[in-house]
Amino acid sequence: DKIAEQKEILEFMTRVMRRQEMEQVTNVLKKPVVLTVNGS
């Protein structure tokens, strides 16, 4: 169960070649937030 077989490897490489495998990308976004500040 832990070791990939030849068929599984070929199927994976084919999906990568066809760009069907998805990658997760993390982006840091700066979102503007309005704060109400009470003065003295």
Full PDB file with SEQRES, HELIX, SHEET, SSBOND, CRYST1, ORIGX, SCALE, CONECT and MASTER records, all heavy atoms in Angstrom:
SEQRES   1 A   40  ASP LYS ILE ALA GLU GLN LYS GLU ILE LEU GLU PHE MET          
SEQRES   2 A   40  THR ARG VAL MET ARG ARG GLN GLU MET GLU GLN VAL THR          
SEQRES   3 A   40  ASN VAL LEU LYS LYS PRO VAL VAL LEU THR VAL ASN GLY          
SEQRES   4 A   40  SER                                                          
HELIX    1 AA1 GLN A    6  MET A   17  1                                  12    
CRYST1    1.000    1.000    1.000  90.00  90.00  90.00 P 1           1          
ORIGX1      1.000000  0.000000  0.000000        0.00000                         
ORIGX2      0.000000  1.000000  0.000000        0.00000                         
ORIGX3      0.000000  0.000000  1.000000        0.00000                         
SCALE1      1.000000  0.000000  0.000000        0.00000                         
SCALE2      0.000000  1.000000  0.000000        0.00000                         
SCALE3      0.000000  0.000000  1.000000        0.00000                         
ATOM      1  N   ASP A   1       0.813  -1.209   0.000  1.00  0.00           N  
ATOM      2  CA  ASP A   1       0.000   0.000   0.000  1.00  0.00           C  
ATOM      3  C   ASP A   1       0.851   1.266   0.000  1.00  0.00           C  
ATOM      4  O   ASP A   1       0.404   2.318  -0.447  1.00  0.00           O  
ATOM      5  CB  ASP A   1      -0.928   0.026   1.220  1.00  0.00           C  
ATOM      6  CG  ASP A   1      -2.017  -1.034   1.133  1.00  0.00           C  
ATOM      7  OD1 ASP A   1      -2.291  -1.522   0.021  1.00  0.00           O  
ATOM      8  OD2 ASP A   1      -2.583  -1.386   2.190  1.00  0.00           O  
ATOM      9  N   LYS A   2       2.072   1.177   0.491  1.00  0.00           N  
ATOM     10  CA  LYS A   2       2.930   2.359   0.610  1.00  0.00           C  
ATOM     11  C   LYS A   2       3.741   2.633  -0.649  1.00  0.00           C  
ATOM     12  O   LYS A   2       4.168   3.762  -0.870  1.00  0.00           O  
ATOM     13  CB  LYS A   2       3.903   2.183   1.782  1.00  0.00           C  
ATOM     14  CG  LYS A   2       3.241   2.215   3.128  1.00  0.00           C  
ATOM     15  CD  LYS A   2       4.272   2.044   4.225  1.00  0.00           C  
ATOM     16  CE  LYS A   2       3.646   2.044   5.597  1.00  0.00           C  
ATOM     17  NZ  LYS A   2       4.629   1.815   6.647  1.00  0.00           N  
ATOM     18  N   ILE A   3       4.017   1.611  -1.454  1.00  0.00           N  
ATOM     19  CA  ILE A   3       4.908   1.747  -2.599  1.00  0.00           C  
ATOM     20  C   ILE A   3       4.102   1.823  -3.891  1.00  0.00           C  
ATOM     21  O   ILE A   3       3.260   0.973  -4.155  1.00  0.00           O  
ATOM     22  CB  ILE A   3       5.914   0.580  -2.644  1.00  0.00           C  
ATOM     23  CG1 ILE A   3       6.770   0.588  -1.380  1.00  0.00           C  
ATOM     24  CG2 ILE A   3       6.784   0.667  -3.886  1.00  0.00           C  
ATOM     25  CD1 ILE A   3       7.660  -0.624  -1.222  1.00  0.00           C  
ATOM     26  N   ALA A   4       4.380   2.828  -4.692  1.00  0.00           N  
ATOM     27  CA  ALA A   4       3.671   3.009  -5.956  1.00  0.00           C  
ATOM     28  C   ALA A   4       4.090   1.938  -6.955  1.00  0.00           C  
ATOM     29  O   ALA A   4       5.255   1.552  -7.020  1.00  0.00           O  
ATOM     30  CB  ALA A   4       3.973   4.393  -6.524  1.00  0.00           C  
ATOM     31  N   GLU A   5       3.120   1.492  -7.732  1.00  0.00           N  
ATOM     32  CA  GLU A   5       3.403   0.531  -8.789  1.00  0.00           C  
ATOM     33  C   GLU A   5       3.649   1.286 -10.093  1.00  0.00           C  
ATOM     34  O   GLU A   5       3.314   2.467 -10.220  1.00  0.00           O  
ATOM     35  CB  GLU A   5       2.232  -0.439  -8.935  1.00  0.00           C  
ATOM     36  CG  GLU A   5       2.070  -1.336  -7.724  1.00  0.00           C  
ATOM     37  CD  GLU A   5       0.904  -2.307  -7.861  1.00  0.00           C  
ATOM     38  OE1 GLU A   5       0.212  -2.306  -8.896  1.00  0.00           O  
ATOM     39  OE2 GLU A   5       0.698  -3.067  -6.900  1.00  0.00           O  
ATOM     40  N   GLN A   6       4.209   0.588 -11.074  1.00  0.00           N  
ATOM     41  CA  GLN A   6       4.573   1.208 -12.346  1.00  0.00           C  
ATOM     42  C   GLN A   6       3.382   1.907 -13.008  1.00  0.00           C  
ATOM     43  O   GLN A   6       3.506   3.033 -13.471  1.00  0.00           O  
ATOM     44  CB  GLN A   6       5.150   0.134 -13.283  1.00  0.00           C  
ATOM     45  CG  GLN A   6       5.691   0.677 -14.580  1.00  0.00           C  
ATOM     46  CD  GLN A   6       6.959   1.473 -14.410  1.00  0.00           C  
ATOM     47  OE1 GLN A   6       7.636   1.369 -13.402  1.00  0.00           O  
ATOM     48  NE2 GLN A   6       7.294   2.273 -15.389  1.00  0.00           N  
ATOM     49  N   LYS A   7       2.224   1.264 -13.025  1.00  0.00           N  
ATOM     50  CA  LYS A   7       1.042   1.853 -13.662  1.00  0.00           C  
ATOM     51  C   LYS A   7       0.656   3.164 -12.976  1.00  0.00           C  
ATOM     52  O   LYS A   7       0.345   4.156 -13.643  1.00  0.00           O  
ATOM     53  CB  LYS A   7      -0.125   0.861 -13.616  1.00  0.00           C  
ATOM     54  CG  LYS A   7      -1.356   1.383 -14.296  1.00  0.00           C  
ATOM     55  CD  LYS A   7      -2.500   0.395 -14.219  1.00  0.00           C  
ATOM     56  CE  LYS A   7      -3.712   1.009 -14.893  1.00  0.00           C  
ATOM     57  NZ  LYS A   7      -4.939   0.474 -14.444  1.00  0.00           N  
ATOM     58  N   GLU A   8       0.692   3.167 -11.655  1.00  0.00           N  
ATOM     59  CA  GLU A   8       0.344   4.370 -10.899  1.00  0.00           C  
ATOM     60  C   GLU A   8       1.304   5.515 -11.218  1.00  0.00           C  
ATOM     61  O   GLU A   8       0.899   6.670 -11.375  1.00  0.00           O  
ATOM     62  CB  GLU A   8       0.371   4.046  -9.404  1.00  0.00           C  
ATOM     63  CG  GLU A   8      -0.031   5.169  -8.513  1.00  0.00           C  
ATOM     64  CD  GLU A   8       0.043   4.818  -7.031  1.00  0.00           C  
ATOM     65  OE1 GLU A   8       0.378   3.667  -6.685  1.00  0.00           O  
ATOM     66  OE2 GLU A   8      -0.224   5.717  -6.226  1.00  0.00           O  
ATOM     67  N   ILE A   9       2.580   5.194 -11.338  1.00  0.00           N  
ATOM     68  CA  ILE A   9       3.590   6.215 -11.656  1.00  0.00           C  
ATOM     69  C   ILE A   9       3.341   6.781 -13.050  1.00  0.00           C  
ATOM     70  O   ILE A   9       3.376   7.996 -13.253  1.00  0.00           O  
ATOM     71  CB  ILE A   9       5.009   5.628 -11.546  1.00  0.00           C  
ATOM     72  CG1 ILE A   9       5.318   5.268 -10.089  1.00  0.00           C  
ATOM     73  CG2 ILE A   9       6.053   6.587 -12.106  1.00  0.00           C  
ATOM     74  CD1 ILE A   9       6.563   4.426  -9.904  1.00  0.00           C  
ATOM     75  N   LEU A  10       3.084   5.914 -14.021  1.00  0.00           N  
ATOM     76  CA  LEU A  10       2.834   6.373 -15.393  1.00  0.00           C  
ATOM     77  C   LEU A  10       1.573   7.233 -15.463  1.00  0.00           C  
ATOM     78  O   LEU A  10       1.554   8.252 -16.165  1.00  0.00           O  
ATOM     79  CB  LEU A  10       2.720   5.178 -16.332  1.00  0.00           C  
ATOM     80  CG  LEU A  10       4.011   4.396 -16.568  1.00  0.00           C  
ATOM     81  CD1 LEU A  10       3.730   3.140 -17.392  1.00  0.00           C  
ATOM     82  CD2 LEU A  10       5.074   5.250 -17.230  1.00  0.00           C  
ATOM     83  N   GLU A  11       0.531   6.848 -14.734  1.00  0.00           N  
ATOM     84  CA  GLU A  11      -0.698   7.640 -14.718  1.00  0.00           C  
ATOM     85  C   GLU A  11      -0.442   9.020 -14.118  1.00  0.00           C  
ATOM     86  O   GLU A  11      -0.923  10.037 -14.636  1.00  0.00           O  
ATOM     87  CB  GLU A  11      -1.793   6.921 -13.931  1.00  0.00           C  
ATOM     88  CG  GLU A  11      -2.352   5.708 -14.645  1.00  0.00           C  
ATOM     89  CD  GLU A  11      -3.275   4.867 -13.774  1.00  0.00           C  
ATOM     90  OE1 GLU A  11      -3.365   5.127 -12.541  1.00  0.00           O  
ATOM     91  OE2 GLU A  11      -3.905   3.950 -14.321  1.00  0.00           O  
ATOM     92  N   PHE A  12       0.325   9.069 -13.024  1.00  0.00           N  
ATOM     93  CA  PHE A  12       0.636  10.348 -12.394  1.00  0.00           C  
ATOM     94  C   PHE A  12       1.448  11.240 -13.344  1.00  0.00           C  
ATOM     95  O   PHE A  12       1.133  12.420 -13.521  1.00  0.00           O  
ATOM     96  CB  PHE A  12       1.407  10.139 -11.089  1.00  0.00           C  
ATOM     97  CG  PHE A  12       1.926  11.414 -10.489  1.00  0.00           C  
ATOM     98  CD1 PHE A  12       1.067  12.301  -9.861  1.00  0.00           C  
ATOM     99  CD2 PHE A  12       3.270  11.736 -10.573  1.00  0.00           C  
ATOM    100  CE1 PHE A  12       1.542  13.494  -9.322  1.00  0.00           C  
ATOM    101  CE2 PHE A  12       3.751  12.921 -10.043  1.00  0.00           C  
ATOM    102  CZ  PHE A  12       2.880  13.804  -9.417  1.00  0.00           C  
ATOM    103  N   MET A  13       2.474  10.670 -13.961  1.00  0.00           N  
ATOM    104  CA  MET A  13       3.313  11.457 -14.875  1.00  0.00           C  
ATOM    105  C   MET A  13       2.477  11.977 -16.051  1.00  0.00           C  
ATOM    106  O   MET A  13       2.695  13.093 -16.516  1.00  0.00           O  
ATOM    107  CB  MET A  13       4.478  10.607 -15.385  1.00  0.00           C  
ATOM    108  CG  MET A  13       5.480  10.221 -14.311  1.00  0.00           C  
ATOM    109  SD  MET A  13       6.281  11.633 -13.557  1.00  0.00           S  
ATOM    110  CE  MET A  13       7.377  12.106 -14.854  1.00  0.00           C  
ATOM    111  N   THR A  14       1.530  11.183 -16.508  1.00  0.00           N  
ATOM    112  CA  THR A  14       0.663  11.620 -17.601  1.00  0.00           C  
ATOM    113  C   THR A  14      -0.220  12.779 -17.156  1.00  0.00           C  
ATOM    114  O   THR A  14      -0.402  13.755 -17.896  1.00  0.00           O  
ATOM    115  CB  THR A  14      -0.205  10.444 -18.101  1.00  0.00           C  
ATOM    116  OG1 THR A  14       0.663   9.394 -18.539  1.00  0.00           O  
ATOM    117  CG2 THR A  14      -1.107  10.868 -19.241  1.00  0.00           C  
ATOM    118  N   ARG A  15      -0.767  12.718 -15.941  1.00  0.00           N  
ATOM    119  CA  ARG A  15      -1.577  13.835 -15.425  1.00  0.00           C  
ATOM    120  C   ARG A  15      -0.735  15.099 -15.284  1.00  0.00           C  
ATOM    121  O   ARG A  15      -1.209  16.196 -15.586  1.00  0.00           O  
ATOM    122  CB  ARG A  15      -2.217  13.465 -14.089  1.00  0.00           C  
ATOM    123  CG  ARG A  15      -3.367  12.489 -14.206  1.00  0.00           C  
ATOM    124  CD  ARG A  15      -4.171  12.385 -12.906  1.00  0.00           C  
ATOM    125  NE  ARG A  15      -3.369  12.200 -11.716  1.00  0.00           N  
ATOM    126  CZ  ARG A  15      -2.978  11.030 -11.222  1.00  0.00           C  
ATOM    127  NH1 ARG A  15      -3.301   9.914 -11.835  1.00  0.00           N  
ATOM    128  NH2 ARG A  15      -2.258  10.968 -10.116  1.00  0.00           N  
ATOM    129  N   VAL A  16       0.523  14.957 -14.845  1.00  0.00           N  
ATOM    130  CA  VAL A  16       1.406  16.119 -14.720  1.00  0.00           C  
ATOM    131  C   VAL A  16       1.677  16.703 -16.105  1.00  0.00           C  
ATOM    132  O   VAL A  16       1.611  17.914 -16.314  1.00  0.00           O  
ATOM    133  CB  VAL A  16       2.740  15.747 -14.019  1.00  0.00           C  
ATOM    134  CG1 VAL A  16       3.738  16.884 -14.111  1.00  0.00           C  
ATOM    135  CG2 VAL A  16       2.485  15.381 -12.562  1.00  0.00           C  
ATOM    136  N   MET A  17       1.961  15.826 -17.066  1.00  0.00           N  
ATOM    137  CA  MET A  17       2.248  16.286 -18.426  1.00  0.00           C  
ATOM    138  C   MET A  17       1.044  17.036 -19.009  1.00  0.00           C  
ATOM    139  O   MET A  17       1.210  18.040 -19.694  1.00  0.00           O  
ATOM    140  CB  MET A  17       2.588  15.094 -19.319  1.00  0.00           C  
ATOM    141  CG  MET A  17       2.937  15.470 -20.745  1.00  0.00           C  
ATOM    142  SD  MET A  17       2.940  14.061 -21.849  1.00  0.00           S  
ATOM    143  CE  MET A  17       1.198  13.756 -22.019  1.00  0.00           C  
ATOM    144  N   ARG A  18      -0.148  16.572 -18.710  1.00  0.00           N  
ATOM    145  CA  ARG A  18      -1.364  17.204 -19.227  1.00  0.00           C  
ATOM    146  C   ARG A  18      -1.817  18.381 -18.366  1.00  0.00           C  
ATOM    147  O   ARG A  18      -2.862  18.968 -18.620  1.00  0.00           O  
ATOM    148  CB  ARG A  18      -2.486  16.168 -19.311  1.00  0.00           C  
ATOM    149  CG  ARG A  18      -2.202  15.117 -20.360  1.00  0.00           C  
ATOM    150  CD  ARG A  18      -3.291  14.089 -20.417  1.00  0.00           C  
ATOM    151  NE  ARG A  18      -2.977  13.117 -21.462  1.00  0.00           N  
ATOM    152  CZ  ARG A  18      -3.513  11.927 -21.544  1.00  0.00           C  
ATOM    153  NH1 ARG A  18      -4.424  11.548 -20.648  1.00  0.00           N  
ATOM    154  NH2 ARG A  18      -3.186  11.100 -22.500  1.00  0.00           N  
ATOM    155  N   ARG A  19      -1.048  18.674 -17.341  1.00  0.00           N  
ATOM    156  CA  ARG A  19      -1.306  19.768 -16.408  1.00  0.00           C  
ATOM    157  C   ARG A  19      -2.660  19.611 -15.717  1.00  0.00           C  
ATOM    158  O   ARG A  19      -3.369  20.572 -15.464  1.00  0.00           O  
ATOM    159  CB  ARG A  19      -1.180  21.123 -17.102  1.00  0.00           C  
ATOM    160  CG  ARG A  19       0.227  21.345 -17.647  1.00  0.00           C  
ATOM    161  CD  ARG A  19       0.432  22.672 -18.265  1.00  0.00           C  
ATOM    162  NE  ARG A  19       0.418  23.685 -17.205  1.00  0.00           N  
ATOM    163  CZ  ARG A  19       0.204  24.970 -17.430  1.00  0.00           C  
ATOM    164  NH1 ARG A  19       0.015  25.396 -18.642  1.00  0.00           N  
ATOM    165  NH2 ARG A  19       0.191  25.826 -16.445  1.00  0.00           N  
ATOM    166  N   GLN A  20      -2.986  18.359 -15.371  1.00  0.00           N  
ATOM    167  CA  GLN A  20      -4.216  18.061 -14.651  1.00  0.00           C  
ATOM    168  C   GLN A  20      -3.978  18.008 -13.146  1.00  0.00           C  
ATOM    169  O   GLN A  20      -4.931  18.050 -12.388  1.00  0.00           O  
ATOM    170  CB  GLN A  20      -4.791  16.720 -15.133  1.00  0.00           C  
ATOM    171  CG  GLN A  20      -5.243  16.750 -16.576  1.00  0.00           C  
ATOM    172  CD  GLN A  20      -5.558  15.375 -17.120  1.00  0.00           C  
ATOM    173  OE1 GLN A  20      -5.074  14.364 -16.628  1.00  0.00           O  
ATOM    174  NE2 GLN A  20      -6.376  15.334 -18.159  1.00  0.00           N  
ATOM    175  N   GLU A  21      -2.738  17.874 -12.733  1.00  0.00           N  
ATOM    176  CA  GLU A  21      -2.407  17.873 -11.303  1.00  0.00           C  
ATOM    177  C   GLU A  21      -2.405  19.320 -10.825  1.00  0.00           C  
ATOM    178  O   GLU A  21      -1.814  20.189 -11.454  1.00  0.00           O  
ATOM    179  CB  GLU A  21      -1.027  17.248 -11.051  1.00  0.00           C  
ATOM    180  CG  GLU A  21      -1.010  15.747 -11.115  1.00  0.00           C  
ATOM    181  CD  GLU A  21      -1.791  15.090  -9.997  1.00  0.00           C  
ATOM    182  OE1 GLU A  21      -1.647  15.499  -8.830  1.00  0.00           O  
ATOM    183  OE2 GLU A  21      -2.560  14.170 -10.302  1.00  0.00           O  
ATOM    184  N   MET A  22      -3.070  19.556  -9.721  1.00  0.00           N  
ATOM    185  CA  MET A  22      -3.181  20.912  -9.196  1.00  0.00           C  
ATOM    186  C   MET A  22      -2.183  21.122  -8.057  1.00  0.00           C  
ATOM    187  O   MET A  22      -1.903  20.198  -7.298  1.00  0.00           O  
ATOM    188  CB  MET A  22      -4.599  21.167  -8.684  1.00  0.00           C  
ATOM    189  CG  MET A  22      -5.682  20.956  -9.745  1.00  0.00           C  
ATOM    190  SD  MET A  22      -5.477  21.993 -11.188  1.00  0.00           S  
ATOM    191  CE  MET A  22      -6.138  23.506 -10.586  1.00  0.00           C  
ATOM    192  N   GLU A  23      -1.661  22.318  -7.968  1.00  0.00           N  
ATOM    193  CA  GLU A  23      -0.755  22.704  -6.889  1.00  0.00           C  
ATOM    194  C   GLU A  23      -1.434  23.793  -6.068  1.00  0.00           C  
ATOM    195  O   GLU A  23      -2.155  24.628  -6.606  1.00  0.00           O  
ATOM    196  CB  GLU A  23       0.559  23.260  -7.451  1.00  0.00           C  
ATOM    197  CG  GLU A  23       1.373  22.271  -8.232  1.00  0.00           C  
ATOM    198  CD  GLU A  23       2.653  22.889  -8.773  1.00  0.00           C  
ATOM    199  OE1 GLU A  23       3.030  23.998  -8.338  1.00  0.00           O  
ATOM    200  OE2 GLU A  23       3.256  22.263  -9.641  1.00  0.00           O  
ATOM    201  N   GLN A  24      -1.172  23.784  -4.769  1.00  0.00           N  
ATOM    202  CA  GLN A  24      -1.719  24.839  -3.918  1.00  0.00           C  
ATOM    203  C   GLN A  24      -0.674  25.935  -3.753  1.00  0.00           C  
ATOM    204  O   GLN A  24       0.492  25.660  -3.466  1.00  0.00           O  
ATOM    205  CB  GLN A  24      -2.104  24.290  -2.550  1.00  0.00           C  
ATOM    206  CG  GLN A  24      -3.342  23.447  -2.588  1.00  0.00           C  
ATOM    207  CD  GLN A  24      -3.836  23.094  -1.205  1.00  0.00           C  
ATOM    208  OE1 GLN A  24      -3.116  23.177  -0.223  1.00  0.00           O  
ATOM    209  NE2 GLN A  24      -5.095  22.685  -1.121  1.00  0.00           N  
ATOM    210  N   VAL A  25      -1.109  27.162  -3.952  1.00  0.00           N  
ATOM    211  CA  VAL A  25      -0.240  28.322  -3.811  1.00  0.00           C  
ATOM    212  C   VAL A  25      -0.853  29.225  -2.742  1.00  0.00           C  
ATOM    213  O   VAL A  25      -2.044  29.517  -2.779  1.00  0.00           O  
ATOM    214  CB  VAL A  25      -0.112  29.091  -5.143  1.00  0.00           C  
ATOM    215  CG1 VAL A  25       0.737  30.337  -4.974  1.00  0.00           C  
ATOM    216  CG2 VAL A  25       0.447  28.196  -6.225  1.00  0.00           C  
ATOM    217  N   THR A  26      -0.032  29.648  -1.783  1.00  0.00           N  
ATOM    218  CA  THR A  26      -0.503  30.532  -0.723  1.00  0.00           C  
ATOM    219  C   THR A  26       0.000  31.941  -1.009  1.00  0.00           C  
ATOM    220  O   THR A  26       1.192  32.150  -1.221  1.00  0.00           O  
ATOM    221  CB  THR A  26       0.024  30.059   0.652  1.00  0.00           C  
ATOM    222  OG1 THR A  26      -0.388  28.713   0.850  1.00  0.00           O  
ATOM    223  CG2 THR A  26      -0.520  30.921   1.766  1.00  0.00           C  
ATOM    224  N   ASN A  27      -0.929  32.889  -1.015  1.00  0.00           N  
ATOM    225  CA  ASN A  27      -0.587  34.291  -1.227  1.00  0.00           C  
ATOM    226  C   ASN A  27      -0.951  35.086   0.018  1.00  0.00           C  
ATOM    227  O   ASN A  27      -1.961  34.824   0.663  1.00  0.00           O  
ATOM    228  CB  ASN A  27      -1.368  34.869  -2.417  1.00  0.00           C  
ATOM    229  CG  ASN A  27      -0.992  34.197  -3.715  1.00  0.00           C  
ATOM    230  OD1 ASN A  27       0.175  34.063  -4.030  1.00  0.00           O  
ATOM    231  ND2 ASN A  27      -1.999  33.749  -4.456  1.00  0.00           N  
ATOM    232  N   VAL A  28      -0.121  36.071   0.343  1.00  0.00           N  
ATOM    233  CA  VAL A  28      -0.418  36.978   1.446  1.00  0.00           C  
ATOM    234  C   VAL A  28      -0.965  38.262   0.830  1.00  0.00           C  
ATOM    235  O   VAL A  28      -0.285  38.940   0.071  1.00  0.00           O  
ATOM    236  CB  VAL A  28       0.842  37.282   2.291  1.00  0.00           C  
ATOM    237  CG1 VAL A  28       0.509  38.262   3.396  1.00  0.00           C  
ATOM    238  CG2 VAL A  28       1.423  36.001   2.843  1.00  0.00           C  
ATOM    239  N   LEU A  29      -2.220  38.553   1.142  1.00  0.00           N  
ATOM    240  CA  LEU A  29      -2.868  39.754   0.614  1.00  0.00           C  
ATOM    241  C   LEU A  29      -2.993  40.798   1.717  1.00  0.00           C  
ATOM    242  O   LEU A  29      -3.174  40.460   2.879  1.00  0.00           O  
ATOM    243  CB  LEU A  29      -4.264  39.410   0.089  1.00  0.00           C  
ATOM    244  CG  LEU A  29      -4.340  38.313  -0.975  1.00  0.00           C  
ATOM    245  CD1 LEU A  29      -5.797  38.008  -1.292  1.00  0.00           C  
ATOM    246  CD2 LEU A  29      -3.599  38.725  -2.223  1.00  0.00           C  
ATOM    247  N   LYS A  30      -2.897  42.048   1.325  1.00  0.00           N  
ATOM    248  CA  LYS A  30      -3.096  43.146   2.278  1.00  0.00           C  
ATOM    249  C   LYS A  30      -4.475  43.724   2.015  1.00  0.00           C  
ATOM    250  O   LYS A  30      -4.740  44.271   0.959  1.00  0.00           O  
ATOM    251  CB  LYS A  30      -2.018  44.200   2.114  1.00  0.00           C  
ATOM    252  CG  LYS A  30      -0.637  43.630   2.361  1.00  0.00           C  
ATOM    253  CD  LYS A  30       0.268  44.642   2.969  1.00  0.00           C  
ATOM    254  CE  LYS A  30       1.644  44.019   3.153  1.00  0.00           C  
ATOM    255  NZ  LYS A  30       2.100  44.086   4.450  1.00  0.00           N  
ATOM    256  N   LYS A  31      -5.351  43.538   2.978  1.00  0.00           N  
ATOM    257  CA  LYS A  31      -6.730  43.985   2.856  1.00  0.00           C  
ATOM    258  C   LYS A  31      -6.902  45.240   3.716  1.00  0.00           C  
ATOM    259  O   LYS A  31      -6.636  45.214   4.914  1.00  0.00           O  
ATOM    260  CB  LYS A  31      -7.653  42.869   3.338  1.00  0.00           C  
ATOM    261  CG  LYS A  31      -9.114  43.205   3.326  1.00  0.00           C  
ATOM    262  CD  LYS A  31      -9.927  42.031   3.864  1.00  0.00           C  
ATOM    263  CE  LYS A  31     -11.350  42.435   4.063  1.00  0.00           C  
ATOM    264  NZ  LYS A  31     -12.115  41.362   4.708  1.00  0.00           N  
ATOM    265  N   PRO A  32      -7.374  46.355   3.110  1.00  0.00           N  
ATOM    266  CA  PRO A  32      -7.560  47.574   3.912  1.00  0.00           C  
ATOM    267  C   PRO A  32      -8.771  47.437   4.842  1.00  0.00           C  
ATOM    268  O   PRO A  32      -9.823  46.945   4.447  1.00  0.00           O  
ATOM    269  CB  PRO A  32      -7.795  48.671   2.879  1.00  0.00           C  
ATOM    270  CG  PRO A  32      -8.182  47.973   1.633  1.00  0.00           C  
ATOM    271  CD  PRO A  32      -7.646  46.567   1.708  1.00  0.00           C  
ATOM    272  N   VAL A  33      -8.575  47.863   6.084  1.00  0.00           N  
ATOM    273  CA  VAL A  33      -9.638  47.818   7.091  1.00  0.00           C  
ATOM    274  C   VAL A  33      -9.736  49.207   7.715  1.00  0.00           C  
ATOM    275  O   VAL A  33      -8.728  49.827   8.045  1.00  0.00           O  
ATOM    276  CB  VAL A  33      -9.320  46.762   8.178  1.00  0.00           C  
ATOM    277  CG1 VAL A  33     -10.370  46.765   9.271  1.00  0.00           C  
ATOM    278  CG2 VAL A  33      -9.189  45.392   7.558  1.00  0.00           C  
ATOM    279  N   VAL A  34     -10.967  49.678   7.871  1.00  0.00           N  
ATOM    280  CA  VAL A  34     -11.199  51.003   8.458  1.00  0.00           C  
ATOM    281  C   VAL A  34     -11.456  50.810   9.955  1.00  0.00           C  
ATOM    282  O   VAL A  34     -12.350  50.074  10.351  1.00  0.00           O  
ATOM    283  CB  VAL A  34     -12.392  51.709   7.796  1.00  0.00           C  
ATOM    284  CG1 VAL A  34     -12.661  53.053   8.467  1.00  0.00           C  
ATOM    285  CG2 VAL A  34     -12.160  51.858   6.308  1.00  0.00           C  
ATOM    286  N   LEU A  35     -10.630  51.473  10.778  1.00  0.00           N  
ATOM    287  CA  LEU A  35     -10.798  51.442  12.229  1.00  0.00           C  
ATOM    288  C   LEU A  35     -11.262  52.814  12.712  1.00  0.00           C  
ATOM    289  O   LEU A  35     -10.772  53.836  12.238  1.00  0.00           O  
ATOM    290  CB  LEU A  35      -9.479  51.095  12.921  1.00  0.00           C  
ATOM    291  CG  LEU A  35      -8.866  49.733  12.635  1.00  0.00           C  
ATOM    292  CD1 LEU A  35      -7.516  49.617  13.342  1.00  0.00           C  
ATOM    293  CD2 LEU A  35      -9.785  48.631  13.098  1.00  0.00           C  
ATOM    294  N   THR A  36     -12.170  52.800  13.650  1.00  0.00           N  
ATOM    295  CA  THR A  36     -12.603  54.056  14.271  1.00  0.00           C  
ATOM    296  C   THR A  36     -11.812  54.205  15.556  1.00  0.00           C  
ATOM    297  O   THR A  36     -11.820  53.325  16.427  1.00  0.00           O  
ATOM    298  CB  THR A  36     -14.116  54.023  14.579  1.00  0.00           C  
ATOM    299  OG1 THR A  36     -14.815  53.761  13.360  1.00  0.00           O  
ATOM    300  CG2 THR A  36     -14.564  55.339  15.159  1.00  0.00           C  
ATOM    301  N   VAL A  37     -11.105  55.317  15.651  1.00  0.00           N  
ATOM    302  CA  VAL A  37     -10.244  55.558  16.807  1.00  0.00           C  
ATOM    303  C   VAL A  37     -10.835  56.698  17.624  1.00  0.00           C  
ATOM    304  O   VAL A  37     -11.173  57.759  17.085  1.00  0.00           O  
ATOM    305  CB  VAL A  37      -8.807  55.912  16.356  1.00  0.00           C  
ATOM    306  CG1 VAL A  37      -7.919  56.185  17.554  1.00  0.00           C  
ATOM    307  CG2 VAL A  37      -8.239  54.817  15.467  1.00  0.00           C  
ATOM    308  N   ASN A  38     -10.985  56.477  18.933  1.00  0.00           N  
ATOM    309  CA  ASN A  38     -11.472  57.514  19.841  1.00  0.00           C  
ATOM    310  C   ASN A  38     -10.273  58.261  20.402  1.00  0.00           C  
ATOM    311  O   ASN A  38      -9.357  57.676  20.959  1.00  0.00           O  
ATOM    312  CB  ASN A  38     -12.285  56.918  20.991  1.00  0.00           C  
ATOM    313  CG  ASN A  38     -13.598  56.350  20.502  1.00  0.00           C  
ATOM    314  OD1 ASN A  38     -14.187  56.885  19.569  1.00  0.00           O  
ATOM    315  ND2 ASN A  38     -14.042  55.279  21.116  1.00  0.00           N  
ATOM    316  N   GLY A  39     -10.317  59.573  20.243  1.00  0.00           N  
ATOM    317  CA  GLY A  39      -9.235  60.399  20.765  1.00  0.00           C  
ATOM    318  C   GLY A  39      -9.450  60.711  22.239  1.00  0.00           C  
ATOM    319  O   GLY A  39     -10.289  60.117  22.916  1.00  0.00           O  
ATOM    320  N   SER A  40      -8.747  61.704  22.755  1.00  0.00           N  
ATOM    321  CA  SER A  40      -8.827  62.058  24.175  1.00  0.00           C  
ATOM    322  C   SER A  40     -10.111  62.818  24.508  1.00  0.00           C  
ATOM    323  O   SER A  40     -10.574  62.781  25.621  1.00  0.00           O  
ATOM    324  CB  SER A  40      -7.607  62.894  24.569  1.00  0.00           C  
ATOM    325  OG  SER A  40      -7.536  64.031  23.745  1.00  0.00           O  
TER     326      SER A  40                                                      
MASTER        0    0    0    1    0    0    0    6  325    1    0    4          
END                                                                             
